[in-house]
Amino acid sequence: MDFYKKIPRWLKNKYILTLVCFVIWIVFFDHNDLFLQVERSGELRQLEKGKAYYQEQIDTINRELSGLKNDPASVERIARERFLMKKDKEEIFVIEEK
């Protein structure tokens, strides 16, 4: 019984013990434990960065598309730059950067 008397009174409280057990269970043993939540948070940040990148690409392509619909000269410029098309009696030299 001496051992029982040496335990602090707040540790004998059943509500405190229940709360401590619950916190330990949630932090270490639960399916969605603290470590998994930190990992998922990092993954979410990466996915949000990817979403921002792809949204930026979509906006760029939409601006380019609206330019192609409204300006015939831009159609010719895109065809020449990207698809290496040429007019008759014209030569194209492709210079690749290293």
PDB file of N, CA and C in Angstrom:
ATOM      1  N   MET A   1       0.807  -1.199   0.000  1.00  0.00           N
ATOM      2  CA  MET A   1       0.000   0.000   0.000  1.00  0.00           C
ATOM      3  C   MET A   1       0.849   1.262   0.000  1.00  0.00           C
ATOM      4  N   ASP A   2       2.119   1.148   0.356  1.00  0.00           N
ATOM      5  CA  ASP A   2       2.980   2.329   0.329  1.00  0.00           C
ATOM      6  C   ASP A   2       3.139   2.855  -1.086  1.00  0.00           C
ATOM      7  N   PHE A   3       3.199   1.945  -2.036  1.00  0.00           N
ATOM      8  CA  PHE A   3       3.338   2.352  -3.433  1.00  0.00           C
ATOM      9  C   PHE A   3       2.123   3.163  -3.877  1.00  0.00           C
ATOM     10  N   TYR A   4       0.952   2.739  -3.489  1.00  0.00           N
ATOM     11  CA  TYR A   4      -0.280   3.444  -3.858  1.00  0.00           C
ATOM     12  C   TYR A   4      -0.330   4.843  -3.251  1.00  0.00           C
ATOM     13  N   LYS A   5       0.234   4.998  -2.080  1.00  0.00           N
ATOM     14  CA  LYS A   5       0.233   6.309  -1.415  1.00  0.00           C
ATOM     15  C   LYS A   5       1.242   7.267  -2.049  1.00  0.00           C
ATOM     16  N   LYS A   6       2.268   6.728  -2.703  1.00  0.00           N
ATOM     17  CA  LYS A   6       3.290   7.568  -3.323  1.00  0.00           C
ATOM     18  C   LYS A   6       2.834   8.141  -4.664  1.00  0.00           C
ATOM     19  N   ILE A   7       1.818   7.571  -5.267  1.00  0.00           N
ATOM     20  CA  ILE A   7       1.306   8.065  -6.543  1.00  0.00           C
ATOM     21  C   ILE A   7       0.586   9.386  -6.298  1.00  0.00           C
ATOM     22  N   PRO A   8       0.902  10.413  -7.109  1.00  0.00           N
ATOM     23  CA  PRO A   8       0.225  11.705  -6.911  1.00  0.00           C
ATOM     24  C   PRO A   8      -1.287  11.564  -7.089  1.00  0.00           C
ATOM     25  N   ARG A   9      -1.987  12.433  -6.445  1.00  0.00           N
ATOM     26  CA  ARG A   9      -3.444  12.343  -6.413  1.00  0.00           C
ATOM     27  C   ARG A   9      -4.061  12.541  -7.804  1.00  0.00           C
ATOM     28  N   TRP A  10      -3.478  13.431  -8.607  1.00  0.00           N
ATOM     29  CA  TRP A  10      -4.041  13.700  -9.936  1.00  0.00           C
ATOM     30  C   TRP A  10      -3.903  12.495 -10.861  1.00  0.00           C
ATOM     31  N   LEU A  11      -2.925  11.596 -10.587  1.00  0.00           N
ATOM     32  CA  LEU A  11      -2.787  10.383 -11.394  1.00  0.00           C
ATOM     33  C   LEU A  11      -3.809   9.313 -11.002  1.00  0.00           C
ATOM     34  N   LYS A  12      -4.406   9.442  -9.865  1.00  0.00           N
ATOM     35  CA  LYS A  12      -5.421   8.479  -9.419  1.00  0.00           C
ATOM     36  C   LYS A  12      -6.801   8.820  -9.974  1.00  0.00           C
ATOM     37  N   ASN A  13      -6.932  10.003 -10.522  1.00  0.00           N
ATOM     38  CA  ASN A  13      -8.212  10.447 -11.050  1.00  0.00           C
ATOM     39  C   ASN A  13      -8.536   9.651 -12.327  1.00  0.00           C
ATOM     40  N   LYS A  14      -9.711   9.025 -12.371  1.00  0.00           N
ATOM     41  CA  LYS A  14     -10.068   8.173 -13.500  1.00  0.00           C
ATOM     42  C   LYS A  14     -10.277   8.978 -14.789  1.00  0.00           C
ATOM     43  N   TYR A  15     -10.682  10.214 -14.665  1.00  0.00           N
ATOM     44  CA  TYR A  15     -10.885  11.038 -15.852  1.00  0.00           C
ATOM     45  C   TYR A  15      -9.548  11.429 -16.483  1.00  0.00           C
ATOM     46  N   ILE A  16      -8.581  11.759 -15.643  1.00  0.00           N
ATOM     47  CA  ILE A  16      -7.242  12.087 -16.139  1.00  0.00           C
ATOM     48  C   ILE A  16      -6.622  10.864 -16.809  1.00  0.00           C
ATOM     49  N   LEU A  17      -6.737   9.711 -16.181  1.00  0.00           N
ATOM     50  CA  LEU A  17      -6.188   8.479 -16.758  1.00  0.00           C
ATOM     51  C   LEU A  17      -6.841   8.160 -18.096  1.00  0.00           C
ATOM     52  N   THR A  18      -8.150   8.348 -18.152  1.00  0.00           N
ATOM     53  CA  THR A  18      -8.864   8.095 -19.402  1.00  0.00           C
ATOM     54  C   THR A  18      -8.394   9.055 -20.493  1.00  0.00           C
ATOM     55  N   LEU A  19      -8.238  10.308 -20.145  1.00  0.00           N
ATOM     56  CA  LEU A  19      -7.773  11.304 -21.106  1.00  0.00           C
ATOM     57  C   LEU A  19      -6.356  10.985 -21.593  1.00  0.00           C
ATOM     58  N   VAL A  20      -5.473  10.605 -20.699  1.00  0.00           N
ATOM     59  CA  VAL A  20      -4.093  10.260 -21.062  1.00  0.00           C
ATOM     60  C   VAL A  20      -4.079   9.046 -21.992  1.00  0.00           C
ATOM     61  N   CYS A  21      -4.862   8.037 -21.655  1.00  0.00           N
ATOM     62  CA  CYS A  21      -4.938   6.843 -22.507  1.00  0.00           C
ATOM     63  C   CYS A  21      -5.493   7.200 -23.894  1.00  0.00           C
ATOM     64  N   PHE A  22      -6.508   8.039 -23.921  1.00  0.00           N
ATOM     65  CA  PHE A  22      -7.096   8.463 -25.190  1.00  0.00           C
ATOM     66  C   PHE A  22      -6.075   9.202 -26.045  1.00  0.00           C
ATOM     67  N   VAL A  23      -5.340  10.126 -25.462  1.00  0.00           N
ATOM     68  CA  VAL A  23      -4.337  10.896 -26.202  1.00  0.00           C
ATOM     69  C   VAL A  23      -3.235   9.976 -26.727  1.00  0.00           C
ATOM     70  N   ILE A  24      -2.780   9.060 -25.911  1.00  0.00           N
ATOM     71  CA  ILE A  24      -1.744   8.109 -26.354  1.00  0.00           C
ATOM     72  C   ILE A  24      -2.266   7.270 -27.514  1.00  0.00           C
ATOM     73  N   TRP A  25      -3.513   6.824 -27.407  1.00  0.00           N
ATOM     74  CA  TRP A  25      -4.103   6.019 -28.478  1.00  0.00           C
ATOM     75  C   TRP A  25      -4.181   6.822 -29.783  1.00  0.00           C
ATOM     76  N   ILE A  26      -4.651   8.040 -29.703  1.00  0.00           N
ATOM     77  CA  ILE A  26      -4.802   8.876 -30.894  1.00  0.00           C
ATOM     78  C   ILE A  26      -3.449   9.214 -31.517  1.00  0.00           C
ATOM     79  N   VAL A  27      -2.462   9.506 -30.702  1.00  0.00           N
ATOM     80  CA  VAL A  27      -1.156   9.931 -31.227  1.00  0.00           C
ATOM     81  C   VAL A  27      -0.381   8.762 -31.831  1.00  0.00           C
ATOM     82  N   PHE A  28      -0.443   7.584 -31.235  1.00  0.00           N
ATOM     83  CA  PHE A  28       0.436   6.501 -31.668  1.00  0.00           C
ATOM     84  C   PHE A  28      -0.258   5.319 -32.345  1.00  0.00           C
ATOM     85  N   PHE A  29      -1.440   4.921 -31.899  1.00  0.00           N
ATOM     86  CA  PHE A  29      -2.000   3.645 -32.328  1.00  0.00           C
ATOM     87  C   PHE A  29      -3.173   3.735 -33.290  1.00  0.00           C
ATOM     88  N   ASP A  30      -3.778   4.868 -33.423  1.00  0.00           N
ATOM     89  CA  ASP A  30      -4.956   4.997 -34.264  1.00  0.00           C
ATOM     90  C   ASP A  30      -4.593   4.875 -35.737  1.00  0.00           C
ATOM     91  N   HIS A  31      -5.578   4.517 -36.562  1.00  0.00           N
ATOM     92  CA  HIS A  31      -5.358   4.389 -37.999  1.00  0.00           C
ATOM     93  C   HIS A  31      -4.911   5.723 -38.604  1.00  0.00           C
ATOM     94  N   ASN A  32      -5.413   6.809 -38.096  1.00  0.00           N
ATOM     95  CA  ASN A  32      -5.032   8.145 -38.557  1.00  0.00           C
ATOM     96  C   ASN A  32      -4.185   8.836 -37.492  1.00  0.00           C
ATOM     97  N   ASP A  33      -3.075   8.223 -37.139  1.00  0.00           N
ATOM     98  CA  ASP A  33      -2.241   8.753 -36.060  1.00  0.00           C
ATOM     99  C   ASP A  33      -1.568  10.073 -36.461  1.00  0.00           C
ATOM    100  N   LEU A  34      -0.896  10.670 -35.528  1.00  0.00           N
ATOM    101  CA  LEU A  34      -0.288  11.987 -35.709  1.00  0.00           C
ATOM    102  C   LEU A  34       0.746  11.982 -36.830  1.00  0.00           C
ATOM    103  N   PHE A  35       1.529  10.937 -36.930  1.00  0.00           N
ATOM    104  CA  PHE A  35       2.589  10.860 -37.935  1.00  0.00           C
ATOM    105  C   PHE A  35       1.998  10.792 -39.347  1.00  0.00           C
ATOM    106  N   LEU A  36       0.921  10.053 -39.488  1.00  0.00           N
ATOM    107  CA  LEU A  36       0.253   9.962 -40.775  1.00  0.00           C
ATOM    108  C   LEU A  36      -0.370  11.301 -41.164  1.00  0.00           C
ATOM    109  N   GLN A  37      -0.877  12.023 -40.198  1.00  0.00           N
ATOM    110  CA  GLN A  37      -1.464  13.331 -40.470  1.00  0.00           C
ATOM    111  C   GLN A  37      -0.398  14.317 -40.955  1.00  0.00           C
ATOM    112  N   VAL A  38       0.784  14.270 -40.371  1.00  0.00           N
ATOM    113  CA  VAL A  38       1.884  15.145 -40.804  1.00  0.00           C
ATOM    114  C   VAL A  38       2.297  14.789 -42.237  1.00  0.00           C
ATOM    115  N   GLU A  39       2.372  13.502 -42.523  1.00  0.00           N
ATOM    116  CA  GLU A  39       2.730  13.049 -43.864  1.00  0.00           C
ATOM    117  C   GLU A  39       1.687  13.498 -44.884  1.00  0.00           C
ATOM    118  N   ARG A  40       0.424  13.348 -44.544  1.00  0.00           N
ATOM    119  CA  ARG A  40      -0.653  13.758 -45.449  1.00  0.00           C
ATOM    120  C   ARG A  40      -0.674  15.273 -45.643  1.00  0.00           C
ATOM    121  N   SER A  41      -0.316  16.008 -44.623  1.00  0.00           N
ATOM    122  CA  SER A  41      -0.260  17.461 -44.736  1.00  0.00           C
ATOM    123  C   SER A  41       0.807  17.880 -45.749  1.00  0.00           C
ATOM    124  N   GLY A  42       1.967  17.236 -45.701  1.00  0.00           N
ATOM    125  CA  GLY A  42       3.025  17.514 -46.676  1.00  0.00           C
ATOM    126  C   GLY A  42       2.603  17.139 -48.090  1.00  0.00           C
ATOM    127  N   GLU A  43       1.922  16.015 -48.210  1.00  0.00           N
ATOM    128  CA  GLU A  43       1.435  15.584 -49.515  1.00  0.00           C
ATOM    129  C   GLU A  43       0.400  16.575 -50.065  1.00  0.00           C
ATOM    130  N   LEU A  44      -0.444  17.082 -49.186  1.00  0.00           N
ATOM    131  CA  LEU A  44      -1.448  18.072 -49.594  1.00  0.00           C
ATOM    132  C   LEU A  44      -0.783  19.345 -50.103  1.00  0.00           C
ATOM    133  N   ARG A  45       0.276  19.784 -49.433  1.00  0.00           N
ATOM    134  CA  ARG A  45       1.000  20.975 -49.890  1.00  0.00           C
ATOM    135  C   ARG A  45       1.588  20.769 -51.277  1.00  0.00           C
ATOM    136  N   GLN A  46       2.141  19.580 -51.527  1.00  0.00           N
ATOM    137  CA  GLN A  46       2.702  19.283 -52.848  1.00  0.00           C
ATOM    138  C   GLN A  46       1.614  19.281 -53.915  1.00  0.00           C
ATOM    139  N   LEU A  47       0.472  18.700 -53.588  1.00  0.00           N
ATOM    140  CA  LEU A  47      -0.621  18.659 -54.547  1.00  0.00           C
ATOM    141  C   LEU A  47      -1.165  20.056 -54.845  1.00  0.00           C
ATOM    142  N   GLU A  48      -1.196  20.916 -53.836  1.00  0.00           N
ATOM    143  CA  GLU A  48      -1.653  22.289 -54.060  1.00  0.00           C
ATOM    144  C   GLU A  48      -0.678  23.060 -54.946  1.00  0.00           C
ATOM    145  N   LYS A  49       0.620  22.809 -54.780  1.00  0.00           N
ATOM    146  CA  LYS A  49       1.613  23.437 -55.662  1.00  0.00           C
ATOM    147  C   LYS A  49       1.426  22.955 -57.098  1.00  0.00           C
ATOM    148  N   GLY A  50       1.187  21.653 -57.249  1.00  0.00           N
ATOM    149  CA  GLY A  50       0.936  21.101 -58.581  1.00  0.00           C
ATOM    150  C   GLY A  50      -0.316  21.686 -59.200  1.00  0.00           C
ATOM    151  N   LYS A  51      -1.339  21.857 -58.385  1.00  0.00           N
ATOM    152  CA  LYS A  51      -2.590  22.443 -58.878  1.00  0.00           C
ATOM    153  C   LYS A  51      -2.358  23.868 -59.367  1.00  0.00           C
ATOM    154  N   ALA A  52      -1.590  24.644 -58.612  1.00  0.00           N
ATOM    155  CA  ALA A  52      -1.299  26.024 -59.011  1.00  0.00           C
ATOM    156  C   ALA A  52      -0.512  26.046 -60.321  1.00  0.00           C
ATOM    157  N   TYR A  53       0.450  25.144 -60.474  1.00  0.00           N
ATOM    158  CA  TYR A  53       1.239  25.076 -61.708  1.00  0.00           C
ATOM    159  C   TYR A  53       0.343  24.761 -62.902  1.00  0.00           C
ATOM    160  N   TYR A  54      -0.507  23.749 -62.766  1.00  0.00           N
ATOM    161  CA  TYR A  54      -1.360  23.365 -63.883  1.00  0.00           C
ATOM    162  C   TYR A  54      -2.415  24.427 -64.178  1.00  0.00           C
ATOM    163  N   GLN A  55      -2.888  25.118 -63.169  1.00  0.00           N
ATOM    164  CA  GLN A  55      -3.838  26.204 -63.402  1.00  0.00           C
ATOM    165  C   GLN A  55      -3.171  27.331 -64.196  1.00  0.00           C
ATOM    166  N   GLU A  56      -1.919  27.600 -63.876  1.00  0.00           N
ATOM    167  CA  GLU A  56      -1.155  28.611 -64.615  1.00  0.00           C
ATOM    168  C   GLU A  56      -0.978  28.188 -66.074  1.00  0.00           C
ATOM    169  N   GLN A  57      -0.701  26.911 -66.298  1.00  0.00           N
ATOM    170  CA  GLN A  57      -0.558  26.402 -67.664  1.00  0.00           C
ATOM    171  C   GLN A  57      -1.875  26.516 -68.427  1.00  0.00           C
ATOM    172  N   ILE A  58      -2.974  26.203 -67.775  1.00  0.00           N
ATOM    173  CA  ILE A  58      -4.292  26.307 -68.412  1.00  0.00           C
ATOM    174  C   ILE A  58      -4.584  27.746 -68.805  1.00  0.00           C
ATOM    175  N   ASP A  59      -4.274  28.687 -67.920  1.00  0.00           N
ATOM    176  CA  ASP A  59      -4.502  30.099 -68.224  1.00  0.00           C
ATOM    177  C   ASP A  59      -3.662  30.543 -69.425  1.00  0.00           C
ATOM    178  N   THR A  60      -2.415  30.113 -69.472  1.00  0.00           N
ATOM    179  CA  THR A  60      -1.538  30.462 -70.591  1.00  0.00           C
ATOM    180  C   THR A  60      -2.089  29.913 -71.903  1.00  0.00           C
ATOM    181  N   ILE A  61      -2.522  28.670 -71.884  1.00  0.00           N
ATOM    182  CA  ILE A  61      -3.049  28.045 -73.096  1.00  0.00           C
ATOM    183  C   ILE A  61      -4.358  28.707 -73.520  1.00  0.00           C
ATOM    184  N   ASN A  62      -5.198  29.073 -72.570  1.00  0.00           N
ATOM    185  CA  ASN A  62      -6.455  29.749 -72.918  1.00  0.00           C
ATOM    186  C   ASN A  62      -6.203  31.114 -73.550  1.00  0.00           C
ATOM    187  N   ARG A  63      -5.215  31.860 -73.037  1.00  0.00           N
ATOM    188  CA  ARG A  63      -4.867  33.147 -73.652  1.00  0.00           C
ATOM    189  C   ARG A  63      -4.359  32.938 -75.074  1.00  0.00           C
ATOM    190  N   GLU A  64      -3.529  31.924 -75.237  1.00  0.00           N
ATOM    191  CA  GLU A  64      -2.985  31.617 -76.555  1.00  0.00           C
ATOM    192  C   GLU A  64      -4.105  31.203 -77.508  1.00  0.00           C
ATOM    193  N   LEU A  65      -5.038  30.424 -77.029  1.00  0.00           N
ATOM    194  CA  LEU A  65      -6.158  29.964 -77.851  1.00  0.00           C
ATOM    195  C   LEU A  65      -7.045  31.130 -78.281  1.00  0.00           C
ATOM    196  N   SER A  66      -7.307  32.035 -77.367  1.00  0.00           N
ATOM    197  CA  SER A  66      -8.126  33.196 -77.737  1.00  0.00           C
ATOM    198  C   SER A  66      -7.384  34.062 -78.755  1.00  0.00           C
ATOM    199  N   GLY A  67      -6.078  34.150 -78.646  1.00  0.00           N
ATOM    200  CA  GLY A  67      -5.286  34.870 -79.635  1.00  0.00           C
ATOM    201  C   GLY A  67      -5.343  34.209 -81.001  1.00  0.00           C
ATOM    202  N   LEU A  68      -5.346  32.874 -81.012  1.00  0.00           N
ATOM    203  CA  LEU A  68      -5.426  32.152 -82.283  1.00  0.00           C
ATOM    204  C   LEU A  68      -6.791  32.326 -82.942  1.00  0.00           C
ATOM    205  N   LYS A  69      -7.834  32.400 -82.132  1.00  0.00           N
ATOM    206  CA  LYS A  69      -9.180  32.562 -82.685  1.00  0.00           C
ATOM    207  C   LYS A  69      -9.389  33.949 -83.276  1.00  0.00           C
ATOM    208  N   ASN A  70      -8.724  34.949 -82.745  1.00  0.00           N
ATOM    209  CA  ASN A  70      -8.977  36.330 -83.142  1.00  0.00           C
ATOM    210  C   ASN A  70      -7.969  36.889 -84.142  1.00  0.00           C
ATOM    211  N   ASP A  71      -6.796  36.287 -84.252  1.00  0.00           N
ATOM    212  CA  ASP A  71      -5.738  36.882 -85.081  1.00  0.00           C
ATOM    213  C   ASP A  71      -5.148  35.840 -86.024  1.00  0.00           C
ATOM    214  N   PRO A  72      -5.390  35.964 -87.327  1.00  0.00           N
ATOM    215  CA  PRO A  72      -4.841  34.987 -88.281  1.00  0.00           C
ATOM    216  C   PRO A  72      -3.306  35.023 -88.351  1.00  0.00           C
ATOM    217  N   ALA A  73      -2.715  36.160 -88.053  1.00  0.00           N
ATOM    218  CA  ALA A  73      -1.254  36.254 -88.086  1.00  0.00           C
ATOM    219  C   ALA A  73      -0.640  35.397 -86.980  1.00  0.00           C
ATOM    220  N   SER A  74      -1.329  35.286 -85.861  1.00  0.00           N
ATOM    221  CA  SER A  74      -0.797  34.454 -84.778  1.00  0.00           C
ATOM    222  C   SER A  74      -0.867  32.971 -85.134  1.00  0.00           C
ATOM    223  N   VAL A  75      -1.852  32.585 -85.947  1.00  0.00           N
ATOM    224  CA  VAL A  75      -1.931  31.194 -86.408  1.00  0.00           C
ATOM    225  C   VAL A  75      -0.699  30.867 -87.235  1.00  0.00           C
ATOM    226  N   GLU A  76      -0.346  31.782 -88.132  1.00  0.00           N
ATOM    227  CA  GLU A  76       0.838  31.568 -88.963  1.00  0.00           C
ATOM    228  C   GLU A  76       2.099  31.524 -88.114  1.00  0.00           C
ATOM    229  N   ARG A  77       2.213  32.407 -87.131  1.00  0.00           N
ATOM    230  CA  ARG A  77       3.395  32.450 -86.265  1.00  0.00           C
ATOM    231  C   ARG A  77       3.539  31.137 -85.474  1.00  0.00           C
ATOM    232  N   ILE A  78       2.430  30.646 -84.926  1.00  0.00           N
ATOM    233  CA  ILE A  78       2.475  29.388 -84.159  1.00  0.00           C
ATOM    234  C   ILE A  78       2.843  28.223 -85.074  1.00  0.00           C
ATOM    235  N   ALA A  79       2.260  28.186 -86.267  1.00  0.00           N
ATOM    236  CA  ALA A  79       2.563  27.106 -87.205  1.00  0.00           C
ATOM    237  C   ALA A  79       4.042  27.116 -87.580  1.00  0.00           C
ATOM    238  N   ARG A  80       4.606  28.289 -87.777  1.00  0.00           N
ATOM    239  CA  ARG A  80       6.020  28.374 -88.141  1.00  0.00           C
ATOM    240  C   ARG A  80       6.923  28.003 -86.961  1.00  0.00           C
ATOM    241  N   GLU A  81       6.599  28.477 -85.774  1.00  0.00           N
ATOM    242  CA  GLU A  81       7.472  28.237 -84.614  1.00  0.00           C
ATOM    243  C   GLU A  81       7.407  26.800 -84.125  1.00  0.00           C
ATOM    244  N   ARG A  82       6.214  26.302 -83.951  1.00  0.00           N
ATOM    245  CA  ARG A  82       6.070  24.989 -83.312  1.00  0.00           C
ATOM    246  C   ARG A  82       6.150  23.822 -84.283  1.00  0.00           C
ATOM    247  N   PHE A  83       5.555  23.988 -85.453  1.00  0.00           N
ATOM    248  CA  PHE A  83       5.440  22.858 -86.366  1.00  0.00           C
ATOM    249  C   PHE A  83       6.388  22.963 -87.563  1.00  0.00           C
ATOM    250  N   LEU A  84       7.240  23.978 -87.541  1.00  0.00           N
ATOM    251  CA  LEU A  84       8.273  24.176 -88.559  1.00  0.00           C
ATOM    252  C   LEU A  84       7.698  24.205 -89.971  1.00  0.00           C
ATOM    253  N   MET A  85       6.523  24.801 -90.116  1.00  0.00           N
ATOM    254  CA  MET A  85       5.923  24.938 -91.440  1.00  0.00           C
ATOM    255  C   MET A  85       6.584  26.119 -92.148  1.00  0.00           C
ATOM    256  N   LYS A  86       6.521  26.088 -93.478  1.00  0.00           N
ATOM    257  CA  LYS A  86       7.166  27.143 -94.248  1.00  0.00           C
ATOM    258  C   LYS A  86       6.349  27.469 -95.482  1.00  0.00           C
ATOM    259  N   LYS A  87       6.642  28.636 -96.022  1.00  0.00           N
ATOM    260  CA  LYS A  87       6.029  29.031 -97.283  1.00  0.00           C
ATOM    261  C   LYS A  87       6.832  28.433 -98.426  1.00  0.00           C
ATOM    262  N   ASP A  88       6.251  28.473 -99.623  1.00  0.00           N
ATOM    263  CA  ASP A  88       6.979  27.981-100.796  1.00  0.00           C
ATOM    264  C   ASP A  88       8.220  28.840-101.020  1.00  0.00           C
ATOM    265  N   LYS A  89       9.259  28.223-101.503  1.00  0.00           N
ATOM    266  CA  LYS A  89      10.530  28.883-101.805  1.00  0.00           C
ATOM    267  C   LYS A  89      11.144  29.528-100.554  1.00  0.00           C
ATOM    268  N   GLU A  90      11.012  28.853 -99.446  1.00  0.00           N
ATOM    269  CA  GLU A  90      11.554  29.375 -98.192  1.00  0.00           C
ATOM    270  C   GLU A  90      12.285  28.238 -97.482  1.00  0.00           C
ATOM    271  N   GLU A  91      13.388  28.545 -96.866  1.00  0.00           N
ATOM    272  CA  GLU A  91      14.146  27.537 -96.118  1.00  0.00           C
ATOM    273  C   GLU A  91      14.083  27.843 -94.630  1.00  0.00           C
ATOM    274  N   ILE A  92      14.117  26.775 -93.834  1.00  0.00           N
ATOM    275  CA  ILE A  92      14.072  26.934 -92.375  1.00  0.00           C
ATOM    276  C   ILE A  92      15.351  26.337 -91.809  1.00  0.00           C
ATOM    277  N   PHE A  93      15.973  27.082 -90.915  1.00  0.00           N
ATOM    278  CA  PHE A  93      17.140  26.606 -90.200  1.00  0.00           C
ATOM    279  C   PHE A  93      16.771  26.506 -88.726  1.00  0.00           C
ATOM    280  N   VAL A  94      16.921  25.328 -88.152  1.00  0.00           N
ATOM    281  CA  VAL A  94      16.599  25.106 -86.748  1.00  0.00           C
ATOM    282  C   VAL A  94      17.885  25.117 -85.946  1.00  0.00           C
ATOM    283  N   ILE A  95      17.960  26.004 -84.984  1.00  0.00           N
ATOM    284  CA  ILE A  95      19.129  26.122 -84.127  1.00  0.00           C
ATOM    285  C   ILE A  95      18.723  25.622 -82.739  1.00  0.00           C
ATOM    286  N   GLU A  96      19.339  24.550 -82.299  1.00  0.00           N
ATOM    287  CA  GLU A  96      19.031  23.983 -80.994  1.00  0.00           C
ATOM    288  C   GLU A  96      20.009  24.518 -79.961  1.00  0.00           C
ATOM    289  N   GLU A  97      19.479  24.958 -78.836  1.00  0.00           N
ATOM    290  CA  GLU A  97      20.323  25.446 -77.746  1.00  0.00           C
ATOM    291  C   GLU A  97      20.684  24.285 -76.844  1.00  0.00           C
ATOM    292  N   LYS A  98      21.927  24.318 -76.351  1.00  0.00           N
ATOM    293  CA  LYS A  98      22.371  23.239 -75.453  1.00  0.00           C
ATOM    294  C   LYS A  98      22.257  23.667 -74.028  1.00  0.00           C
TER     295      LYS A  98
END
